[in-house]
All heavy atoms as atom14 arrays in JSON, in Angstrom:
{
  "sequence": "LSEYRPLPPPPVIRADKLNYQAQAFDSVFSDRDPT",
  "atom14_mask": [
    [1, 1, 1, 1, 1, 1, 1, 1, 0, 0, 0, 0, 0, 0],
    [1, 1, 1, 1, 1, 1, 0, 0, 0, 0, 0, 0, 0, 0],
    [1, 1, 1, 1, 1, 1, 1, 1, 1, 0, 0, 0, 0, 0],
    [1, 1, 1, 1, 1, 1, 1, 1, 1, 1, 1, 1, 0, 0],
    [1, 1, 1, 1, 1, 1, 1, 1, 1, 1, 1, 0, 0, 0],
    [1, 1, 1, 1, 1, 1, 1, 0, 0, 0, 0, 0, 0, 0],
    [1, 1, 1, 1, 1, 1, 1, 1, 0, 0, 0, 0, 0, 0],
    [1, 1, 1, 1, 1, 1, 1, 0, 0, 0, 0, 0, 0, 0],
    [1, 1, 1, 1, 1, 1, 1, 0, 0, 0, 0, 0, 0, 0],
    [1, 1, 1, 1, 1, 1, 1, 0, 0, 0, 0, 0, 0, 0],
    [1, 1, 1, 1, 1, 1, 1, 0, 0, 0, 0, 0, 0, 0],
    [1, 1, 1, 1, 1, 1, 1, 0, 0, 0, 0, 0, 0, 0],
    [1, 1, 1, 1, 1, 1, 1, 1, 0, 0, 0, 0, 0, 0],
    [1, 1, 1, 1, 1, 1, 1, 1, 1, 1, 1, 0, 0, 0],
    [1, 1, 1, 1, 1, 0, 0, 0, 0, 0, 0, 0, 0, 0],
    [1, 1, 1, 1, 1, 1, 1, 1, 0, 0, 0, 0, 0, 0],
    [1, 1, 1, 1, 1, 1, 1, 1, 1, 0, 0, 0, 0, 0],
    [1, 1, 1, 1, 1, 1, 1, 1, 0, 0, 0, 0, 0, 0],
    [1, 1, 1, 1, 1, 1, 1, 1, 0, 0, 0, 0, 0, 0],
    [1, 1, 1, 1, 1, 1, 1, 1, 1, 1, 1, 1, 0, 0],
    [1, 1, 1, 1, 1, 1, 1, 1, 1, 0, 0, 0, 0, 0],
    [1, 1, 1, 1, 1, 0, 0, 0, 0, 0, 0, 0, 0, 0],
    [1, 1, 1, 1, 1, 1, 1, 1, 1, 0, 0, 0, 0, 0],
    [1, 1, 1, 1, 1, 0, 0, 0, 0, 0, 0, 0, 0, 0],
    [1, 1, 1, 1, 1, 1, 1, 1, 1, 1, 1, 0, 0, 0],
    [1, 1, 1, 1, 1, 1, 1, 1, 0, 0, 0, 0, 0, 0],
    [1, 1, 1, 1, 1, 1, 0, 0, 0, 0, 0, 0, 0, 0],
    [1, 1, 1, 1, 1, 1, 1, 0, 0, 0, 0, 0, 0, 0],
    [1, 1, 1, 1, 1, 1, 1, 1, 1, 1, 1, 0, 0, 0],
    [1, 1, 1, 1, 1, 1, 0, 0, 0, 0, 0, 0, 0, 0],
    [1, 1, 1, 1, 1, 1, 1, 1, 0, 0, 0, 0, 0, 0],
    [1, 1, 1, 1, 1, 1, 1, 1, 1, 1, 1, 0, 0, 0],
    [1, 1, 1, 1, 1, 1, 1, 1, 0, 0, 0, 0, 0, 0],
    [1, 1, 1, 1, 1, 1, 1, 0, 0, 0, 0, 0, 0, 0],
    [1, 1, 1, 1, 1, 1, 1, 0, 0, 0, 0, 0, 0, 0]
  ],
  "atom14_positions": [
    [[-123.85, 123.43, -139.24], [-122.85, 124.42, -138.88], [-121.93, 124.7, -140.07], [-121.7, 123.82, -140.9], [-122.02, 123.92, -137.7], [-122.8, 123.67, -136.41], [-121.88, 123.05, -135.38], [-123.37, 124.96, -135.89], [0.0, 0.0, 0.0], [0.0, 0.0, 0.0], [0.0, 0.0, 0.0], [0.0, 0.0, 0.0], [0.0, 0.0, 0.0], [0.0, 0.0, 0.0]],
    [[-121.44, 125.88, -140.12], [-120.5, 126.21, -141.19], [-119.14, 125.6, -140.87], [-118.8, 125.34, -139.72], [-120.38, 127.72, -141.35], [-119.9, 128.29, -140.17], [0.0, 0.0, 0.0], [0.0, 0.0, 0.0], [0.0, 0.0, 0.0], [0.0, 0.0, 0.0], [0.0, 0.0, 0.0], [0.0, 0.0, 0.0], [0.0, 0.0, 0.0], [0.0, 0.0, 0.0]],
    [[-118.37, 125.41, -141.91], [-117.06, 124.79, -141.74], [-116.1, 125.79, -141.09], [-116.07, 126.96, -141.47], [-116.51, 124.37, -143.1], [-115.16, 123.7, -143.03], [-114.65, 123.34, -144.42], [-115.48, 123.21, -145.34], [-113.44, 123.21, -144.57], [0.0, 0.0, 0.0], [0.0, 0.0, 0.0], [0.0, 0.0, 0.0], [0.0, 0.0, 0.0], [0.0, 0.0, 0.0]],
    [[-115.32, 125.32, -140.11], [-114.37, 126.19, -139.43], [-113.1, 126.29, -140.23], [-112.51, 125.29, -140.6], [-114.06, 125.65, -138.03], [-112.96, 126.41, -137.34], [-113.18, 127.67, -136.81], [-111.68, 125.88, -137.24], [-112.18, 128.38, -136.2], [-110.66, 126.58, -136.63], [-110.91, 127.84, -136.11], [-109.9, 128.54, -135.51], [0.0, 0.0, 0.0], [0.0, 0.0, 0.0]],
    [[-112.69, 127.49, -140.52], [-111.43, 127.73, -141.2], [-110.62, 128.7, -140.34], [-111.11, 129.77, -140.0], [-111.66, 128.36, -142.56], [-112.3, 127.45, -143.54], [-112.39, 128.11, -144.9], [-113.43, 127.46, -145.67], [-114.23, 128.05, -146.52], [-114.11, 129.33, -146.73], [-115.14, 127.36, -147.16], [0.0, 0.0, 0.0], [0.0, 0.0, 0.0], [0.0, 0.0, 0.0]],
    [[-109.39, 128.32, -139.99], [-108.59, 129.25, -139.18], [-108.24, 130.5, -139.98], [-108.11, 130.45, -141.21], [-107.34, 128.44, -138.84], [-107.27, 127.38, -139.87], [-108.69, 127.09, -140.29], [0.0, 0.0, 0.0], [0.0, 0.0, 0.0], [0.0, 0.0, 0.0], [0.0, 0.0, 0.0], [0.0, 0.0, 0.0], [0.0, 0.0, 0.0], [0.0, 0.0, 0.0]],
    [[-108.11, 131.59, -139.29], [-107.77, 132.85, -139.95], [-106.32, 132.82, -140.41], [-105.47, 132.2, -139.77], [-107.97, 134.01, -138.98], [-109.41, 134.28, -138.56], [-109.43, 135.36, -137.48], [-110.23, 134.72, -139.74], [0.0, 0.0, 0.0], [0.0, 0.0, 0.0], [0.0, 0.0, 0.0], [0.0, 0.0, 0.0], [0.0, 0.0, 0.0], [0.0, 0.0, 0.0]],
    [[-106.02, 133.49, -141.51], [-104.62, 133.54, -141.94], [-103.8, 134.36, -140.94], [-104.36, 135.18, -140.2], [-104.7, 134.24, -143.31], [-105.96, 135.01, -143.26], [-106.9, 134.23, -142.39], [0.0, 0.0, 0.0], [0.0, 0.0, 0.0], [0.0, 0.0, 0.0], [0.0, 0.0, 0.0], [0.0, 0.0, 0.0], [0.0, 0.0, 0.0], [0.0, 0.0, 0.0]],
    [[-102.5, 134.16, -140.91], [-101.7, 134.94, -139.98], [-101.76, 136.43, -140.34], [-101.95, 136.77, -141.51], [-100.28, 134.38, -140.15], [-100.29, 133.72, -141.48], [-101.69, 133.25, -141.71], [0.0, 0.0, 0.0], [0.0, 0.0, 0.0], [0.0, 0.0, 0.0], [0.0, 0.0, 0.0], [0.0, 0.0, 0.0], [0.0, 0.0, 0.0], [0.0, 0.0, 0.0]],
    [[-101.59, 137.3, -139.36], [-101.65, 138.73, -139.67], [-100.46, 139.14, -140.53], [-99.42, 138.49, -140.52], [-101.58, 139.38, -138.27], [-100.95, 138.36, -137.41], [-101.36, 137.04, -137.95], [0.0, 0.0, 0.0], [0.0, 0.0, 0.0], [0.0, 0.0, 0.0], [0.0, 0.0, 0.0], [0.0, 0.0, 0.0], [0.0, 0.0, 0.0], [0.0, 0.0, 0.0]],
    [[-100.61, 140.2, -141.3], [-99.49, 140.64, -142.14], [-98.33, 141.13, -141.29], [-98.51, 141.61, -140.17], [-100.1, 141.8, -142.95], [-101.24, 142.27, -142.12], [-101.76, 141.07, -141.4], [0.0, 0.0, 0.0], [0.0, 0.0, 0.0], [0.0, 0.0, 0.0], [0.0, 0.0, 0.0], [0.0, 0.0, 0.0], [0.0, 0.0, 0.0], [0.0, 0.0, 0.0]],
    [[-97.14, 140.98, -141.84], [-95.95, 141.43, -141.13], [-95.87, 142.94, -141.25], [-95.96, 143.5, -142.33], [-94.69, 140.78, -141.74], [-93.45, 141.3, -141.06], [-94.78, 139.28, -141.62], [0.0, 0.0, 0.0], [0.0, 0.0, 0.0], [0.0, 0.0, 0.0], [0.0, 0.0, 0.0], [0.0, 0.0, 0.0], [0.0, 0.0, 0.0], [0.0, 0.0, 0.0]],
    [[-95.74, 143.6, -140.13], [-95.65, 145.06, -140.1], [-94.28, 145.41, -139.55], [-93.91, 144.98, -138.45], [-96.76, 145.67, -139.23], [-98.11, 145.32, -139.82], [-96.58, 147.18, -139.12], [-99.27, 145.7, -138.94], [0.0, 0.0, 0.0], [0.0, 0.0, 0.0], [0.0, 0.0, 0.0], [0.0, 0.0, 0.0], [0.0, 0.0, 0.0], [0.0, 0.0, 0.0]],
    [[-93.51, 146.17, -140.32], [-92.21, 146.59, -139.84], [-92.4, 147.83, -138.98], [-92.74, 148.89, -139.48], [-91.27, 146.92, -140.99], [-89.91, 147.29, -140.52], [-88.97, 147.46, -141.68], [-87.7, 147.89, -141.16], [-87.13, 149.02, -141.48], [-87.67, 149.81, -142.35], [-85.98, 149.36, -140.94], [0.0, 0.0, 0.0], [0.0, 0.0, 0.0], [0.0, 0.0, 0.0]],
    [[-92.23, 147.64, -137.7], [-92.4, 148.76, -136.77], [-91.22, 148.78, -135.82], [-90.68, 147.74, -135.45], [-93.7, 148.61, -135.99], [0.0, 0.0, 0.0], [0.0, 0.0, 0.0], [0.0, 0.0, 0.0], [0.0, 0.0, 0.0], [0.0, 0.0, 0.0], [0.0, 0.0, 0.0], [0.0, 0.0, 0.0], [0.0, 0.0, 0.0], [0.0, 0.0, 0.0]],
    [[-90.81, 149.94, -135.46], [-89.7, 150.1, -134.53], [-90.22, 150.16, -133.11], [-91.24, 150.79, -132.84], [-88.92, 151.39, -134.84], [-88.2, 151.32, -136.17], [-87.61, 150.25, -136.42], [-88.23, 152.27, -136.92], [0.0, 0.0, 0.0], [0.0, 0.0, 0.0], [0.0, 0.0, 0.0], [0.0, 0.0, 0.0], [0.0, 0.0, 0.0], [0.0, 0.0, 0.0]],
    [[-89.51, 149.5, -132.23], [-89.85, 149.56, -130.82], [-89.42, 150.92, -130.29], [-88.26, 151.31, -130.41], [-89.14, 148.44, -130.07], [-89.47, 148.39, -128.61], [-88.71, 147.27, -127.94], [-88.93, 147.32, -126.45], [-88.05, 146.4, -125.74], [0.0, 0.0, 0.0], [0.0, 0.0, 0.0], [0.0, 0.0, 0.0], [0.0, 0.0, 0.0], [0.0, 0.0, 0.0]],
    [[-90.35, 151.65, -129.71], [-90.06, 153.0, -129.25], [-89.95, 153.04, -127.73], [-90.69, 152.37, -127.02], [-91.17, 153.96, -129.68], [-91.34, 154.16, -131.17], [-92.55, 155.01, -131.45], [-90.12, 154.77, -131.78], [0.0, 0.0, 0.0], [0.0, 0.0, 0.0], [0.0, 0.0, 0.0], [0.0, 0.0, 0.0], [0.0, 0.0, 0.0], [0.0, 0.0, 0.0]],
    [[-89.03, 153.86, -127.25], [-88.93, 154.16, -125.83], [-89.57, 155.52, -125.65], [-89.0, 156.54, -126.03], [-87.45, 154.17, -125.4], [-87.29, 154.46, -123.93], [-88.24, 154.8, -123.24], [-86.08, 154.31, -123.44], [0.0, 0.0, 0.0], [0.0, 0.0, 0.0], [0.0, 0.0, 0.0], [0.0, 0.0, 0.0], [0.0, 0.0, 0.0], [0.0, 0.0, 0.0]],
    [[-90.76, 155.56, -125.08], [-91.51, 156.81, -125.02], [-90.95, 157.79, -124.01], [-91.16, 158.99, -124.12], [-92.98, 156.5, -124.71], [-93.65, 155.74, -125.81], [-93.91, 154.4, -125.69], [-93.98, 156.38, -126.99], [-94.51, 153.69, -126.73], [-94.59, 155.69, -128.03], [-94.85, 154.35, -127.89], [-95.42, 153.67, -128.91], [0.0, 0.0, 0.0], [0.0, 0.0, 0.0]],
    [[-90.21, 157.31, -123.02], [-89.62, 158.22, -122.04], [-88.43, 158.96, -122.63], [-88.26, 160.15, -122.42], [-89.22, 157.46, -120.79], [-90.4, 156.91, -120.03], [-90.0, 156.03, -118.87], [-88.88, 155.54, -118.82], [-90.9, 155.82, -117.94], [0.0, 0.0, 0.0], [0.0, 0.0, 0.0], [0.0, 0.0, 0.0], [0.0, 0.0, 0.0], [0.0, 0.0, 0.0]],
    [[-87.59, 158.24, -123.35], [-86.4, 158.86, -123.94], [-86.65, 159.39, -125.35], [-85.78, 160.03, -125.93], [-85.24, 157.86, -123.97], [0.0, 0.0, 0.0], [0.0, 0.0, 0.0], [0.0, 0.0, 0.0], [0.0, 0.0, 0.0], [0.0, 0.0, 0.0], [0.0, 0.0, 0.0], [0.0, 0.0, 0.0], [0.0, 0.0, 0.0], [0.0, 0.0, 0.0]],
    [[-87.83, 159.11, -125.9], [-88.18, 159.51, -127.27], [-87.13, 159.0, -128.26], [-86.63, 159.74, -129.09], [-88.31, 161.03, -127.37], [-89.41, 161.61, -126.53], [-90.78, 161.15, -126.98], [-91.07, 161.12, -128.15], [-91.62, 160.79, -126.04], [0.0, 0.0, 0.0], [0.0, 0.0, 0.0], [0.0, 0.0, 0.0], [0.0, 0.0, 0.0], [0.0, 0.0, 0.0]],
    [[-86.77, 157.72, -128.17], [-85.75, 157.13, -129.03], [-86.23, 155.79, -129.56], [-87.14, 155.18, -129.02], [-84.45, 156.95, -128.25], [0.0, 0.0, 0.0], [0.0, 0.0, 0.0], [0.0, 0.0, 0.0], [0.0, 0.0, 0.0], [0.0, 0.0, 0.0], [0.0, 0.0, 0.0], [0.0, 0.0, 0.0], [0.0, 0.0, 0.0], [0.0, 0.0, 0.0]],
    [[-85.58, 155.33, -130.62], [-85.87, 154.02, -131.2], [-85.07, 152.97, -130.44], [-83.85, 152.9, -130.57], [-85.47, 153.97, -132.67], [-86.28, 154.88, -133.54], [-85.76, 156.09, -133.96], [-87.55, 154.52, -133.95], [-86.5, 156.92, -134.78], [-88.29, 155.34, -134.76], [-87.77, 156.54, -135.17], [0.0, 0.0, 0.0], [0.0, 0.0, 0.0], [0.0, 0.0, 0.0]],
    [[-85.73, 152.13, -129.66], [-85.02, 151.06, -128.95], [-84.54, 149.98, -129.89], [-83.49, 149.38, -129.68], [-85.93, 150.43, -127.89], [-86.0, 151.27, -126.63], [-85.2, 152.21, -126.5], [-86.86, 150.98, -125.78], [0.0, 0.0, 0.0], [0.0, 0.0, 0.0], [0.0, 0.0, 0.0], [0.0, 0.0, 0.0], [0.0, 0.0, 0.0], [0.0, 0.0, 0.0]],
    [[-85.28, 149.7, -130.96], [-84.89, 148.64, -131.86], [-83.62, 149.01, -132.63], [-82.86, 148.15, -133.02], [-86.02, 148.34, -132.83], [-86.35, 149.5, -133.56], [0.0, 0.0, 0.0], [0.0, 0.0, 0.0], [0.0, 0.0, 0.0], [0.0, 0.0, 0.0], [0.0, 0.0, 0.0], [0.0, 0.0, 0.0], [0.0, 0.0, 0.0], [0.0, 0.0, 0.0]],
    [[-83.4, 150.29, -132.87], [-82.21, 150.72, -133.59], [-81.02, 150.8, -132.65], [-79.91, 150.4, -132.99], [-82.46, 152.09, -134.27], [-81.2, 152.63, -134.87], [-83.52, 151.96, -135.33], [0.0, 0.0, 0.0], [0.0, 0.0, 0.0], [0.0, 0.0, 0.0], [0.0, 0.0, 0.0], [0.0, 0.0, 0.0], [0.0, 0.0, 0.0], [0.0, 0.0, 0.0]],
    [[-81.25, 151.27, -131.45], [-80.14, 151.52, -130.55], [-79.78, 150.33, -129.66], [-78.82, 150.39, -128.93], [-80.46, 152.73, -129.66], [-80.47, 154.01, -130.42], [-81.66, 154.58, -130.79], [-79.31, 154.64, -130.79], [-81.7, 155.76, -131.51], [-79.33, 155.81, -131.51], [-80.52, 156.38, -131.87], [0.0, 0.0, 0.0], [0.0, 0.0, 0.0], [0.0, 0.0, 0.0]],
    [[-80.53, 149.25, -129.71], [-80.2, 148.13, -128.84], [-78.98, 147.38, -129.37], [-78.88, 147.11, -130.57], [-81.4, 147.18, -128.74], [-81.71, 146.66, -130.01], [0.0, 0.0, 0.0], [0.0, 0.0, 0.0], [0.0, 0.0, 0.0], [0.0, 0.0, 0.0], [0.0, 0.0, 0.0], [0.0, 0.0, 0.0], [0.0, 0.0, 0.0], [0.0, 0.0, 0.0]],
    [[-78.06, 147.07, -128.48], [-76.84, 146.32, -128.79], [-75.98, 146.98, -129.86], [-75.25, 146.32, -130.57], [-77.17, 144.9, -129.23], [-77.87, 144.13, -128.14], [-77.67, 144.47, -126.96], [-78.61, 143.2, -128.46], [0.0, 0.0, 0.0], [0.0, 0.0, 0.0], [0.0, 0.0, 0.0], [0.0, 0.0, 0.0], [0.0, 0.0, 0.0], [0.0, 0.0, 0.0]],
    [[-76.04, 148.26, -129.99], [-75.21, 148.98, -130.95], [-74.66, 150.23, -130.3], [-75.22, 150.77, -129.38], [-76.02, 149.41, -132.18], [-76.46, 148.29, -133.06], [-76.95, 148.86, -134.38], [-77.5, 147.83, -135.21], [-76.79, 147.12, -136.05], [-75.51, 147.32, -136.17], [-77.36, 146.19, -136.78], [0.0, 0.0, 0.0], [0.0, 0.0, 0.0], [0.0, 0.0, 0.0]],
    [[-73.58, 150.68, -130.88], [-73.05, 151.97, -130.49], [-74.02, 153.03, -131.0], [-74.52, 152.92, -132.13], [-71.66, 152.14, -131.14], [-70.99, 153.41, -130.7], [-70.42, 153.41, -129.59], [-71.05, 154.4, -131.45], [0.0, 0.0, 0.0], [0.0, 0.0, 0.0], [0.0, 0.0, 0.0], [0.0, 0.0, 0.0], [0.0, 0.0, 0.0], [0.0, 0.0, 0.0]],
    [[-74.32, 154.06, -130.23], [-75.29, 155.07, -130.69], [-74.88, 155.77, -131.98], [-75.73, 156.12, -132.78], [-75.34, 156.06, -129.52], [-74.9, 155.28, -128.34], [-73.92, 154.27, -128.84], [0.0, 0.0, 0.0], [0.0, 0.0, 0.0], [0.0, 0.0, 0.0], [0.0, 0.0, 0.0], [0.0, 0.0, 0.0], [0.0, 0.0, 0.0], [0.0, 0.0, 0.0]],
    [[-73.6, 155.94, -132.2], [-73.15, 156.58, -133.44], [-73.4, 155.67, -134.63], [-73.85, 156.12, -135.69], [-71.66, 156.95, -133.35], [-71.47, 157.79, -132.21], [-71.2, 157.68, -134.59], [0.0, 0.0, 0.0], [0.0, 0.0, 0.0], [0.0, 0.0, 0.0], [0.0, 0.0, 0.0], [0.0, 0.0, 0.0], [0.0, 0.0, 0.0], [0.0, 0.0, 0.0]]
  ]
}
């Protein structure tokens, strides 16, 4: 059998959490004043 090697962790992707109903960035607007 071949030697088992665990896969490296996936690359970090900077992505914003989107609210598709309100068409807004939840990650930007969470716990902040909208302005």
